[in-house]
Amino acid sequence: MNIVTVTNQKGGVGKTTVSVHLACGLAERGYKTLLVDLDGQGQASTHLTGDTAINRRPNGGAELLFDLEKLKAGISPLTTPLGVDLLFGHNALSRIDEGERTTGDAMEVRDYVRALPYDFIVIDTPPAMQLRQLAAVLWADDAGARHDQSGHHQGAIGGWISGEGAAESSR
């Protein structure tokens, strides 16, 4: 099992495009693949399902990875027409970043996430260094930080690499 996280603290750099294409390419090659859409906009979910309202479903999506009891009981991702299973992104995912959750909580569920019955899990992250993004990086075997070469985007990737805001986000 391999977890691949596509991340950057900047929006609009192609994280979702890379995530969707990677997941579909792996599925086309016969790998059992799960895409986890941790972005509240749910664009990866819309691309995979064609459902433009999927991000308005309040639960049953990617938040399940942060619920130890539900992970222990077993989760049921959506199966998409493209052969990729999906834990969809939705507007309520921001609740994960609020409150008392920490990176320690993310590490507590890591082994359960890794035990899911997939060859690959591809994680599309939101464009903010908060718990959802940090957890996805902590769970990953491979993490790619998608960016372009403009100065504006280089500053964002530099901040991610240096960990600016990480300590605050992990409290």
N, C-alpha and C. Protein backbone atom coordinates (compact mmCIF):
# COMPACT_ATOMS: atom_id res chain seq x y z
N MET A 1 0.83 -1.17 0.00
CA MET A 1 0.00 0.00 0.00
C MET A 1 0.88 1.24 0.00
N ASN A 2 0.51 2.21 -0.80
CA ASN A 2 1.29 3.43 -0.92
C ASN A 2 0.33 4.61 -0.85
N ILE A 3 0.64 5.57 0.01
CA ILE A 3 -0.14 6.79 0.13
C ILE A 3 0.65 7.92 -0.51
N VAL A 4 0.02 8.59 -1.48
CA VAL A 4 0.64 9.70 -2.19
C VAL A 4 -0.18 10.96 -1.90
N THR A 5 0.47 11.97 -1.34
CA THR A 5 -0.19 13.23 -1.04
C THR A 5 0.29 14.29 -2.01
N VAL A 6 -0.66 15.01 -2.62
CA VAL A 6 -0.34 16.12 -3.50
C VAL A 6 -0.74 17.39 -2.75
N THR A 7 0.24 18.27 -2.51
CA THR A 7 -0.01 19.39 -1.62
C THR A 7 0.70 20.66 -2.04
N ASN A 8 0.29 21.76 -1.48
CA ASN A 8 0.91 23.08 -1.57
C ASN A 8 -0.01 23.98 -0.78
N GLN A 9 0.54 24.97 -0.10
CA GLN A 9 -0.32 25.88 0.66
C GLN A 9 -0.94 26.95 -0.23
N LYS A 10 -0.64 26.95 -1.51
CA LYS A 10 -1.20 27.89 -2.48
C LYS A 10 -2.29 27.20 -3.29
N GLY A 11 -3.36 27.90 -3.53
CA GLY A 11 -4.42 27.37 -4.39
C GLY A 11 -4.12 27.67 -5.86
N GLY A 12 -4.76 26.93 -6.74
CA GLY A 12 -4.66 27.20 -8.17
C GLY A 12 -3.37 26.77 -8.83
N VAL A 13 -2.65 25.84 -8.22
CA VAL A 13 -1.37 25.41 -8.80
C VAL A 13 -1.45 24.03 -9.45
N GLY A 14 -2.61 23.41 -9.44
CA GLY A 14 -2.78 22.14 -10.13
C GLY A 14 -2.80 20.90 -9.26
N LYS A 15 -2.94 21.07 -7.94
CA LYS A 15 -2.97 19.91 -7.04
C LYS A 15 -4.09 18.93 -7.41
N THR A 16 -5.27 19.47 -7.62
CA THR A 16 -6.42 18.63 -7.92
C THR A 16 -6.25 17.92 -9.26
N THR A 17 -5.77 18.64 -10.26
CA THR A 17 -5.56 18.04 -11.58
C THR A 17 -4.57 16.89 -11.49
N VAL A 18 -3.46 17.10 -10.79
CA VAL A 18 -2.46 16.04 -10.63
C VAL A 18 -3.06 14.87 -9.86
N SER A 19 -3.79 15.15 -8.79
CA SER A 19 -4.37 14.08 -7.97
C SER A 19 -5.34 13.21 -8.76
N VAL A 20 -6.24 13.85 -9.50
CA VAL A 20 -7.24 13.11 -10.28
C VAL A 20 -6.57 12.29 -11.37
N HIS A 21 -5.64 12.89 -12.10
CA HIS A 21 -4.97 12.15 -13.18
C HIS A 21 -4.12 11.00 -12.64
N LEU A 22 -3.46 11.23 -11.52
CA LEU A 22 -2.66 10.16 -10.91
C LEU A 22 -3.56 9.01 -10.49
N ALA A 23 -4.65 9.32 -9.80
CA ALA A 23 -5.57 8.27 -9.33
C ALA A 23 -6.17 7.50 -10.51
N CYS A 24 -6.60 8.21 -11.54
CA CYS A 24 -7.19 7.54 -12.71
C CYS A 24 -6.15 6.70 -13.45
N GLY A 25 -4.93 7.21 -13.56
CA GLY A 25 -3.87 6.45 -14.22
C GLY A 25 -3.54 5.17 -13.47
N LEU A 26 -3.51 5.24 -12.16
CA LEU A 26 -3.24 4.04 -11.36
C LEU A 26 -4.38 3.02 -11.51
N ALA A 27 -5.62 3.51 -11.49
CA ALA A 27 -6.77 2.61 -11.65
C ALA A 27 -6.76 1.97 -13.04
N GLU A 28 -6.41 2.74 -14.07
CA GLU A 28 -6.34 2.19 -15.43
C GLU A 28 -5.31 1.07 -15.53
N ARG A 29 -4.28 1.15 -14.70
CA ARG A 29 -3.23 0.12 -14.71
C ARG A 29 -3.56 -1.06 -13.80
N GLY A 30 -4.77 -1.07 -13.28
CA GLY A 30 -5.23 -2.21 -12.51
C GLY A 30 -5.01 -2.12 -11.01
N TYR A 31 -4.52 -0.98 -10.53
CA TYR A 31 -4.32 -0.82 -9.09
C TYR A 31 -5.62 -0.40 -8.43
N LYS A 32 -5.92 -1.00 -7.29
CA LYS A 32 -7.10 -0.60 -6.52
C LYS A 32 -6.74 0.74 -5.86
N THR A 33 -7.47 1.78 -6.25
CA THR A 33 -7.08 3.15 -5.90
C THR A 33 -8.21 3.89 -5.21
N LEU A 34 -7.85 4.61 -4.16
CA LEU A 34 -8.77 5.49 -3.43
C LEU A 34 -8.26 6.92 -3.56
N LEU A 35 -9.13 7.84 -3.96
CA LEU A 35 -8.78 9.25 -3.93
C LEU A 35 -9.49 9.87 -2.73
N VAL A 36 -8.72 10.57 -1.90
CA VAL A 36 -9.27 11.27 -0.74
C VAL A 36 -9.21 12.76 -1.05
N ASP A 37 -10.37 13.38 -1.13
CA ASP A 37 -10.47 14.80 -1.44
C ASP A 37 -10.65 15.56 -0.14
N LEU A 38 -9.55 16.10 0.39
CA LEU A 38 -9.60 16.83 1.65
C LEU A 38 -9.91 18.31 1.47
N ASP A 39 -10.09 18.74 0.23
CA ASP A 39 -10.40 20.14 -0.05
C ASP A 39 -11.91 20.35 0.03
N GLY A 40 -12.33 21.32 0.81
CA GLY A 40 -13.75 21.60 0.98
C GLY A 40 -14.47 21.99 -0.30
N GLN A 41 -13.74 22.48 -1.31
CA GLN A 41 -14.38 22.81 -2.59
C GLN A 41 -14.83 21.54 -3.31
N GLY A 42 -14.17 20.43 -3.05
CA GLY A 42 -14.58 19.15 -3.62
C GLY A 42 -14.42 19.03 -5.12
N GLN A 43 -13.49 19.76 -5.70
CA GLN A 43 -13.33 19.72 -7.16
C GLN A 43 -12.87 18.35 -7.66
N ALA A 44 -11.99 17.69 -6.94
CA ALA A 44 -11.58 16.34 -7.36
C ALA A 44 -12.79 15.41 -7.34
N SER A 45 -13.64 15.57 -6.35
CA SER A 45 -14.85 14.74 -6.24
C SER A 45 -15.79 15.00 -7.41
N THR A 46 -15.95 16.27 -7.77
CA THR A 46 -16.80 16.62 -8.91
C THR A 46 -16.24 16.02 -10.20
N HIS A 47 -14.92 16.11 -10.38
CA HIS A 47 -14.30 15.55 -11.59
C HIS A 47 -14.55 14.05 -11.69
N LEU A 48 -14.44 13.34 -10.58
CA LEU A 48 -14.57 11.88 -10.61
C LEU A 48 -16.02 11.40 -10.72
N THR A 49 -16.96 12.19 -10.18
CA THR A 49 -18.35 11.74 -10.15
C THR A 49 -19.27 12.45 -11.13
N GLY A 50 -18.89 13.64 -11.55
CA GLY A 50 -19.78 14.45 -12.37
C GLY A 50 -20.86 15.15 -11.56
N ASP A 51 -20.85 14.98 -10.25
CA ASP A 51 -21.86 15.56 -9.35
C ASP A 51 -21.38 16.93 -8.88
N THR A 52 -21.98 17.99 -9.42
CA THR A 52 -21.55 19.34 -9.07
C THR A 52 -22.02 19.78 -7.68
N ALA A 53 -22.87 19.00 -7.05
CA ALA A 53 -23.36 19.32 -5.71
C ALA A 53 -22.73 18.44 -4.63
N ILE A 54 -21.76 17.63 -5.00
CA ILE A 54 -21.20 16.68 -4.03
C ILE A 54 -20.57 17.39 -2.83
N ASN A 55 -20.04 18.59 -3.03
CA ASN A 55 -19.41 19.29 -1.92
C ASN A 55 -20.42 19.89 -0.94
N ARG A 56 -21.70 19.72 -1.21
CA ARG A 56 -22.72 20.19 -0.27
C ARG A 56 -23.27 19.06 0.60
N ARG A 57 -22.79 17.84 0.38
CA ARG A 57 -23.17 16.74 1.28
C ARG A 57 -22.42 16.96 2.59
N PRO A 58 -23.09 16.95 3.72
CA PRO A 58 -22.45 17.33 4.98
C PRO A 58 -21.54 16.28 5.60
N ASN A 59 -21.68 15.03 5.22
CA ASN A 59 -20.82 14.00 5.82
C ASN A 59 -20.85 12.74 4.98
N GLY A 60 -20.04 11.77 5.39
CA GLY A 60 -19.92 10.53 4.63
C GLY A 60 -18.77 10.56 3.65
N GLY A 61 -17.94 11.59 3.76
CA GLY A 61 -16.82 11.76 2.84
C GLY A 61 -15.48 11.64 3.53
N ALA A 62 -14.58 12.53 3.17
CA ALA A 62 -13.19 12.45 3.61
C ALA A 62 -13.01 12.60 5.12
N GLU A 63 -13.99 13.19 5.80
CA GLU A 63 -13.85 13.34 7.26
C GLU A 63 -13.79 11.99 7.97
N LEU A 64 -14.24 10.93 7.30
CA LEU A 64 -14.22 9.60 7.92
C LEU A 64 -12.81 9.16 8.30
N LEU A 65 -11.79 9.68 7.59
CA LEU A 65 -10.42 9.29 7.93
C LEU A 65 -9.96 9.86 9.26
N PHE A 66 -10.68 10.84 9.79
CA PHE A 66 -10.32 11.45 11.06
C PHE A 66 -11.16 10.93 12.21
N ASP A 67 -11.97 9.91 11.97
CA ASP A 67 -12.86 9.34 12.98
C ASP A 67 -12.42 7.91 13.27
N LEU A 68 -11.70 7.74 14.36
CA LEU A 68 -11.12 6.44 14.70
C LEU A 68 -12.17 5.35 14.81
N GLU A 69 -13.30 5.64 15.43
CA GLU A 69 -14.34 4.62 15.60
C GLU A 69 -14.90 4.17 14.25
N LYS A 70 -15.12 5.10 13.35
CA LYS A 70 -15.64 4.74 12.02
C LYS A 70 -14.59 3.97 11.22
N LEU A 71 -13.32 4.35 11.36
CA LEU A 71 -12.26 3.60 10.68
C LEU A 71 -12.20 2.17 11.20
N LYS A 72 -12.32 2.01 12.50
CA LYS A 72 -12.29 0.66 13.09
C LYS A 72 -13.47 -0.18 12.60
N ALA A 73 -14.63 0.46 12.46
CA ALA A 73 -15.84 -0.25 12.04
C ALA A 73 -15.84 -0.55 10.54
N GLY A 74 -15.07 0.22 9.79
CA GLY A 74 -15.02 0.05 8.34
C GLY A 74 -15.77 1.17 7.64
N ILE A 75 -15.17 1.72 6.62
CA ILE A 75 -15.79 2.81 5.87
C ILE A 75 -16.13 2.32 4.46
N SER A 76 -17.05 3.01 3.83
CA SER A 76 -17.50 2.63 2.49
C SER A 76 -17.38 3.81 1.53
N PRO A 77 -16.23 3.96 0.88
CA PRO A 77 -16.08 5.05 -0.10
C PRO A 77 -17.03 4.86 -1.28
N LEU A 78 -17.27 5.95 -1.99
CA LEU A 78 -18.05 5.88 -3.23
C LEU A 78 -17.22 5.21 -4.31
N THR A 79 -17.86 4.48 -5.18
CA THR A 79 -17.19 3.94 -6.36
C THR A 79 -17.57 4.83 -7.53
N THR A 80 -16.58 5.32 -8.26
CA THR A 80 -16.85 6.26 -9.35
C THR A 80 -16.85 5.53 -10.69
N PRO A 81 -17.43 6.14 -11.71
CA PRO A 81 -17.44 5.53 -13.05
C PRO A 81 -16.04 5.33 -13.64
N LEU A 82 -15.05 6.05 -13.11
CA LEU A 82 -13.69 5.96 -13.63
C LEU A 82 -12.87 4.87 -12.95
N GLY A 83 -13.50 4.10 -12.05
CA GLY A 83 -12.80 2.99 -11.41
C GLY A 83 -11.96 3.38 -10.21
N VAL A 84 -12.11 4.61 -9.76
CA VAL A 84 -11.41 5.10 -8.58
C VAL A 84 -12.42 5.22 -7.46
N ASP A 85 -12.13 4.66 -6.29
CA ASP A 85 -12.99 4.87 -5.14
C ASP A 85 -12.71 6.26 -4.58
N LEU A 86 -13.68 6.83 -3.88
CA LEU A 86 -13.60 8.23 -3.48
C LEU A 86 -14.14 8.46 -2.08
N LEU A 87 -13.36 9.17 -1.28
CA LEU A 87 -13.86 9.81 -0.07
C LEU A 87 -13.95 11.29 -0.44
N PHE A 88 -15.17 11.78 -0.63
CA PHE A 88 -15.38 13.07 -1.26
C PHE A 88 -15.11 14.25 -0.34
N GLY A 89 -14.78 15.37 -1.00
CA GLY A 89 -14.60 16.62 -0.29
C GLY A 89 -15.92 17.37 -0.20
N HIS A 90 -16.09 18.13 0.89
CA HIS A 90 -17.32 18.89 1.08
C HIS A 90 -17.08 20.07 1.98
N ASN A 91 -18.05 21.00 1.97
CA ASN A 91 -17.92 22.27 2.69
C ASN A 91 -17.66 22.11 4.19
N ALA A 92 -18.13 21.05 4.79
CA ALA A 92 -18.01 20.88 6.24
C ALA A 92 -16.65 20.35 6.69
N LEU A 93 -15.75 20.06 5.75
CA LEU A 93 -14.44 19.53 6.13
C LEU A 93 -13.63 20.50 6.99
N SER A 94 -13.93 21.78 6.92
CA SER A 94 -13.19 22.75 7.72
C SER A 94 -13.33 22.48 9.22
N ARG A 95 -14.37 21.75 9.62
CA ARG A 95 -14.52 21.40 11.05
C ARG A 95 -13.34 20.58 11.56
N ILE A 96 -12.68 19.84 10.67
CA ILE A 96 -11.53 19.04 11.08
C ILE A 96 -10.42 19.93 11.60
N ASP A 97 -10.27 21.12 11.00
CA ASP A 97 -9.19 22.02 11.37
C ASP A 97 -9.51 22.86 12.60
N GLU A 98 -10.75 22.83 13.05
CA GLU A 98 -11.18 23.64 14.18
C GLU A 98 -11.16 22.80 15.45
N GLY A 99 -11.16 23.46 16.58
CA GLY A 99 -11.29 22.74 17.84
C GLY A 99 -9.99 22.18 18.36
N GLU A 100 -10.09 21.04 19.00
CA GLU A 100 -9.00 20.48 19.78
C GLU A 100 -8.15 19.45 19.05
N ARG A 101 -8.46 19.11 17.83
CA ARG A 101 -7.68 18.08 17.13
C ARG A 101 -6.26 18.55 16.88
N THR A 102 -5.33 17.59 16.92
CA THR A 102 -3.91 17.89 16.74
C THR A 102 -3.29 16.90 15.75
N THR A 103 -2.03 17.12 15.43
CA THR A 103 -1.32 16.15 14.59
C THR A 103 -1.20 14.82 15.32
N GLY A 104 -1.21 14.84 16.65
CA GLY A 104 -1.21 13.59 17.41
C GLY A 104 -2.45 12.76 17.10
N ASP A 105 -3.59 13.42 16.94
CA ASP A 105 -4.82 12.72 16.55
C ASP A 105 -4.67 12.12 15.16
N ALA A 106 -4.04 12.86 14.26
CA ALA A 106 -3.81 12.35 12.91
C ALA A 106 -2.91 11.12 12.95
N MET A 107 -1.91 11.13 13.80
CA MET A 107 -1.02 9.98 13.91
C MET A 107 -1.74 8.79 14.54
N GLU A 108 -2.70 9.05 15.40
CA GLU A 108 -3.45 7.97 16.05
C GLU A 108 -4.22 7.13 15.03
N VAL A 109 -4.71 7.76 13.96
CA VAL A 109 -5.48 7.03 12.96
C VAL A 109 -4.62 6.54 11.79
N ARG A 110 -3.35 6.90 11.77
CA ARG A 110 -2.48 6.59 10.63
C ARG A 110 -2.48 5.10 10.27
N ASP A 111 -2.31 4.24 11.24
CA ASP A 111 -2.25 2.80 10.95
C ASP A 111 -3.57 2.28 10.37
N TYR A 112 -4.69 2.86 10.80
CA TYR A 112 -5.99 2.45 10.25
C TYR A 112 -6.14 2.93 8.80
N VAL A 113 -5.67 4.14 8.53
CA VAL A 113 -5.69 4.64 7.15
C VAL A 113 -4.83 3.74 6.28
N ARG A 114 -3.66 3.38 6.76
CA ARG A 114 -2.73 2.55 6.00
C ARG A 114 -3.26 1.12 5.81
N ALA A 115 -4.18 0.70 6.66
CA ALA A 115 -4.73 -0.66 6.56
C ALA A 115 -5.93 -0.74 5.61
N LEU A 116 -6.35 0.38 5.05
CA LEU A 116 -7.47 0.34 4.10
C LEU A 116 -7.08 -0.54 2.91
N PRO A 117 -8.03 -1.25 2.33
CA PRO A 117 -7.72 -2.27 1.31
C PRO A 117 -7.48 -1.70 -0.10
N TYR A 118 -6.42 -0.91 -0.22
CA TYR A 118 -6.08 -0.28 -1.50
C TYR A 118 -4.61 -0.48 -1.80
N ASP A 119 -4.29 -0.51 -3.09
CA ASP A 119 -2.89 -0.50 -3.51
C ASP A 119 -2.33 0.91 -3.37
N PHE A 120 -3.15 1.91 -3.72
CA PHE A 120 -2.75 3.31 -3.64
C PHE A 120 -3.88 4.14 -3.05
N ILE A 121 -3.50 5.08 -2.20
CA ILE A 121 -4.40 6.14 -1.76
C ILE A 121 -3.75 7.44 -2.22
N VAL A 122 -4.48 8.22 -3.00
CA VAL A 122 -4.02 9.52 -3.46
C VAL A 122 -4.81 10.58 -2.70
N ILE A 123 -4.11 11.52 -2.07
CA ILE A 123 -4.77 12.53 -1.26
C ILE A 123 -4.57 13.91 -1.89
N ASP A 124 -5.69 14.57 -2.18
CA ASP A 124 -5.70 15.95 -2.67
C ASP A 124 -5.96 16.85 -1.46
N THR A 125 -5.06 17.79 -1.21
CA THR A 125 -5.15 18.61 0.00
C THR A 125 -5.71 20.00 -0.28
N PRO A 126 -6.21 20.65 0.78
CA PRO A 126 -6.66 22.04 0.63
C PRO A 126 -5.44 22.97 0.57
N PRO A 127 -5.64 24.20 0.09
CA PRO A 127 -4.52 25.13 -0.03
C PRO A 127 -4.29 25.93 1.26
N ALA A 128 -4.11 25.26 2.36
CA ALA A 128 -3.85 25.93 3.63
C ALA A 128 -3.14 24.95 4.54
N MET A 129 -2.14 25.45 5.26
CA MET A 129 -1.41 24.57 6.16
C MET A 129 -2.18 24.46 7.48
N GLN A 130 -3.12 23.53 7.48
CA GLN A 130 -3.92 23.24 8.66
C GLN A 130 -3.87 21.74 8.88
N LEU A 131 -4.66 21.24 9.80
CA LEU A 131 -4.57 19.83 10.17
C LEU A 131 -4.81 18.89 8.99
N ARG A 132 -5.77 19.20 8.12
CA ARG A 132 -6.03 18.30 6.99
C ARG A 132 -4.79 18.15 6.12
N GLN A 133 -4.11 19.24 5.84
CA GLN A 133 -2.91 19.17 5.00
C GLN A 133 -1.77 18.47 5.74
N LEU A 134 -1.57 18.81 6.99
CA LEU A 134 -0.49 18.20 7.77
C LEU A 134 -0.72 16.70 7.95
N ALA A 135 -1.95 16.30 8.24
CA ALA A 135 -2.25 14.87 8.40
C ALA A 135 -1.94 14.12 7.12
N ALA A 136 -2.34 14.67 5.99
CA ALA A 136 -2.10 14.00 4.70
C ALA A 136 -0.61 13.80 4.46
N VAL A 137 0.20 14.77 4.84
CA VAL A 137 1.65 14.64 4.69
C VAL A 137 2.20 13.61 5.67
N LEU A 138 1.70 13.61 6.90
CA LEU A 138 2.16 12.64 7.90
C LEU A 138 1.81 11.21 7.51
N TRP A 139 0.69 11.01 6.85
CA TRP A 139 0.27 9.67 6.44
C TRP A 139 1.00 9.18 5.20
N ALA A 140 1.59 10.09 4.44
CA ALA A 140 2.10 9.78 3.09
C ALA A 140 3.39 8.98 3.08
N ASP A 141 3.49 8.10 2.08
CA ASP A 141 4.77 7.50 1.72
C ASP A 141 5.51 8.45 0.80
N ASP A 142 4.76 9.14 -0.05
CA ASP A 142 5.30 10.10 -1.00
C ASP A 142 4.42 11.34 -0.97
N ALA A 143 5.06 12.51 -0.92
CA ALA A 143 4.32 13.77 -0.96
C ALA A 143 4.92 14.65 -2.03
N GLY A 144 4.09 15.09 -2.95
CA GLY A 144 4.53 15.99 -4.00
C GLY A 144 3.92 17.35 -3.78
N ALA A 145 4.75 18.39 -3.82
CA ALA A 145 4.28 19.76 -3.65
C ALA A 145 4.21 20.42 -5.02
N ARG A 146 3.03 20.46 -5.59
CA ARG A 146 2.81 21.00 -6.93
C ARG A 146 2.95 22.51 -6.90
N HIS A 147 3.74 23.08 -7.83
CA HIS A 147 3.86 24.53 -7.95
C HIS A 147 4.31 24.91 -9.35
N ASP A 148 4.18 26.21 -9.66
CA ASP A 148 4.74 26.68 -10.92
C ASP A 148 5.93 27.58 -10.58
N GLN A 149 6.53 28.19 -11.59
CA GLN A 149 7.79 28.90 -11.38
C GLN A 149 7.63 30.39 -11.11
N SER A 150 6.41 30.91 -11.00
CA SER A 150 6.26 32.33 -10.73
C SER A 150 6.70 32.64 -9.30
N GLY A 151 7.15 33.85 -9.10
CA GLY A 151 7.63 34.25 -7.78
C GLY A 151 6.57 34.11 -6.71
N HIS A 152 5.32 34.40 -7.06
CA HIS A 152 4.23 34.31 -6.10
C HIS A 152 4.07 32.88 -5.59
N HIS A 153 4.12 31.91 -6.48
CA HIS A 153 3.98 30.51 -6.08
C HIS A 153 5.23 29.99 -5.39
N GLN A 154 6.40 30.47 -5.79
CA GLN A 154 7.62 30.02 -5.13
C GLN A 154 7.62 30.42 -3.67
N GLY A 155 7.08 31.59 -3.36
CA GLY A 155 6.99 32.00 -1.96
C GLY A 155 6.11 31.06 -1.16
N ALA A 156 5.02 30.61 -1.76
CA ALA A 156 4.11 29.70 -1.06
C ALA A 156 4.77 28.36 -0.80
N ILE A 157 5.45 27.82 -1.81
CA ILE A 157 6.08 26.52 -1.60
C ILE A 157 7.24 26.63 -0.62
N GLY A 158 7.92 27.78 -0.63
CA GLY A 158 8.99 27.99 0.33
C GLY A 158 8.48 27.99 1.76
N GLY A 159 7.31 28.60 1.96
CA GLY A 159 6.70 28.60 3.28
C GLY A 159 6.29 27.21 3.73
N TRP A 160 5.80 26.42 2.79
CA TRP A 160 5.40 25.05 3.12
C TRP A 160 6.61 24.23 3.52
N ILE A 161 7.68 24.34 2.74
CA ILE A 161 8.89 23.57 3.03
C ILE A 161 9.50 23.97 4.36
N SER A 162 9.50 25.27 4.65
CA SER A 162 10.10 25.73 5.91
C SER A 162 9.21 25.42 7.10
N GLY A 163 7.95 25.12 6.84
CA GLY A 163 7.04 24.76 7.93
C GLY A 163 6.41 25.95 8.61
N GLU A 164 6.43 27.14 7.97
CA GLU A 164 5.79 28.30 8.58
C GLU A 164 4.33 27.99 8.88
N GLY A 165 3.93 28.19 10.09
CA GLY A 165 2.55 27.94 10.47
C GLY A 165 2.29 26.52 10.92
N ALA A 166 3.23 25.63 10.73
CA ALA A 166 2.99 24.22 11.07
C ALA A 166 2.80 24.03 12.56
N ALA A 167 3.62 24.70 13.36
CA ALA A 167 3.50 24.53 14.80
C ALA A 167 2.14 25.03 15.28
N GLU A 168 1.72 26.17 14.74
CA GLU A 168 0.43 26.71 15.12
C GLU A 168 -0.70 25.79 14.68
N SER A 169 -0.59 25.23 13.48
CA SER A 169 -1.64 24.35 12.97
C SER A 169 -1.72 23.03 13.72
N SER A 170 -0.61 22.60 14.29
CA SER A 170 -0.59 21.28 14.93
C SER A 170 -0.99 21.32 16.39
N ARG A 171 -1.30 22.48 16.92
CA ARG A 171 -1.71 22.57 18.32
C ARG A 171 -3.11 22.11 18.52
